[in-house]
Amino acid sequence: MLAVGAGGGPFTSATLGQVTAGEVTAVQLDGVGHYAALEAPDALAAAILDFTSSVDAP
């Protein structure tokens, strides 16, 4: 599971860690508030692409 956090600090990854049995990969976007997709679309896209490329990697 990928947790992308912003202004809330580790809140997102801590919350997702409570509802999954698997590993949580956390990415923190500095200088971003509640709307990561609007405020930092390039950083969000990079985080998602990095995560998805590593999911099924050998």
Protein backbone atom coordinates (compact mmCIF):
# COMPACT_ATOMS: atom_id res chain seq x y z
CA MET A 1 0.00 0.00 0.00
CA LEU A 2 1.22 3.49 -0.81
CA ALA A 3 0.56 6.27 1.68
CA VAL A 4 1.17 9.76 0.35
CA GLY A 5 1.24 12.31 3.13
CA ALA A 6 1.55 16.04 3.08
CA GLY A 7 0.88 18.68 5.73
CA GLY A 8 -0.39 16.12 8.25
CA GLY A 9 2.99 14.49 8.73
CA PRO A 10 2.96 10.73 9.36
CA PHE A 11 -0.81 10.67 9.95
CA THR A 12 -1.65 9.06 6.60
CA SER A 13 0.81 6.18 6.83
CA ALA A 14 -0.03 5.55 10.49
CA THR A 15 -3.74 5.41 9.69
CA LEU A 16 -3.30 3.10 6.70
CA GLY A 17 -1.02 0.89 8.78
CA GLN A 18 -3.98 0.18 11.04
CA VAL A 19 -6.15 -1.20 8.24
CA THR A 20 -3.74 -3.32 6.20
CA ALA A 21 -1.85 -6.48 7.01
CA GLY A 22 0.72 -5.72 4.34
CA GLU A 23 3.60 -3.31 4.13
CA VAL A 24 2.92 0.42 3.91
CA THR A 25 5.27 2.50 1.79
CA ALA A 26 5.16 6.11 2.94
CA VAL A 27 5.99 9.19 0.88
CA GLN A 28 5.94 12.65 2.42
CA LEU A 29 5.39 15.61 0.09
CA ASP A 30 6.91 18.69 1.70
CA GLY A 31 5.17 22.03 1.33
CA VAL A 32 1.85 20.47 0.31
CA GLY A 33 -1.46 20.78 2.11
CA HIS A 34 -4.59 18.67 1.70
CA TYR A 35 -4.72 18.71 -2.10
CA ALA A 36 -1.57 16.93 -3.22
CA ALA A 37 -2.89 16.25 -6.73
CA LEU A 38 -3.53 19.96 -7.27
CA GLU A 39 -0.58 21.39 -5.35
CA ALA A 40 2.17 18.99 -6.43
CA PRO A 41 0.99 16.87 -9.36
CA ASP A 42 4.51 16.09 -10.59
CA ALA A 43 5.72 14.95 -7.17
CA LEU A 44 2.58 12.86 -6.66
CA ALA A 45 2.90 11.26 -10.09
CA ALA A 46 6.57 10.46 -9.42
CA ALA A 47 5.68 8.84 -6.09
CA ILE A 48 2.97 6.71 -7.69
CA LEU A 49 5.16 5.67 -10.62
CA ASP A 50 8.06 4.77 -8.32
CA PHE A 51 5.74 2.69 -6.15
CA THR A 52 3.99 0.88 -8.99
CA SER A 53 7.27 0.07 -10.71
CA SER A 54 8.52 -1.59 -7.53
CA VAL A 55 5.41 -3.65 -6.73
CA ASP A 56 6.13 -6.56 -9.07
CA ALA A 57 9.84 -5.98 -9.47
CA PRO A 58 11.99 -9.11 -9.16
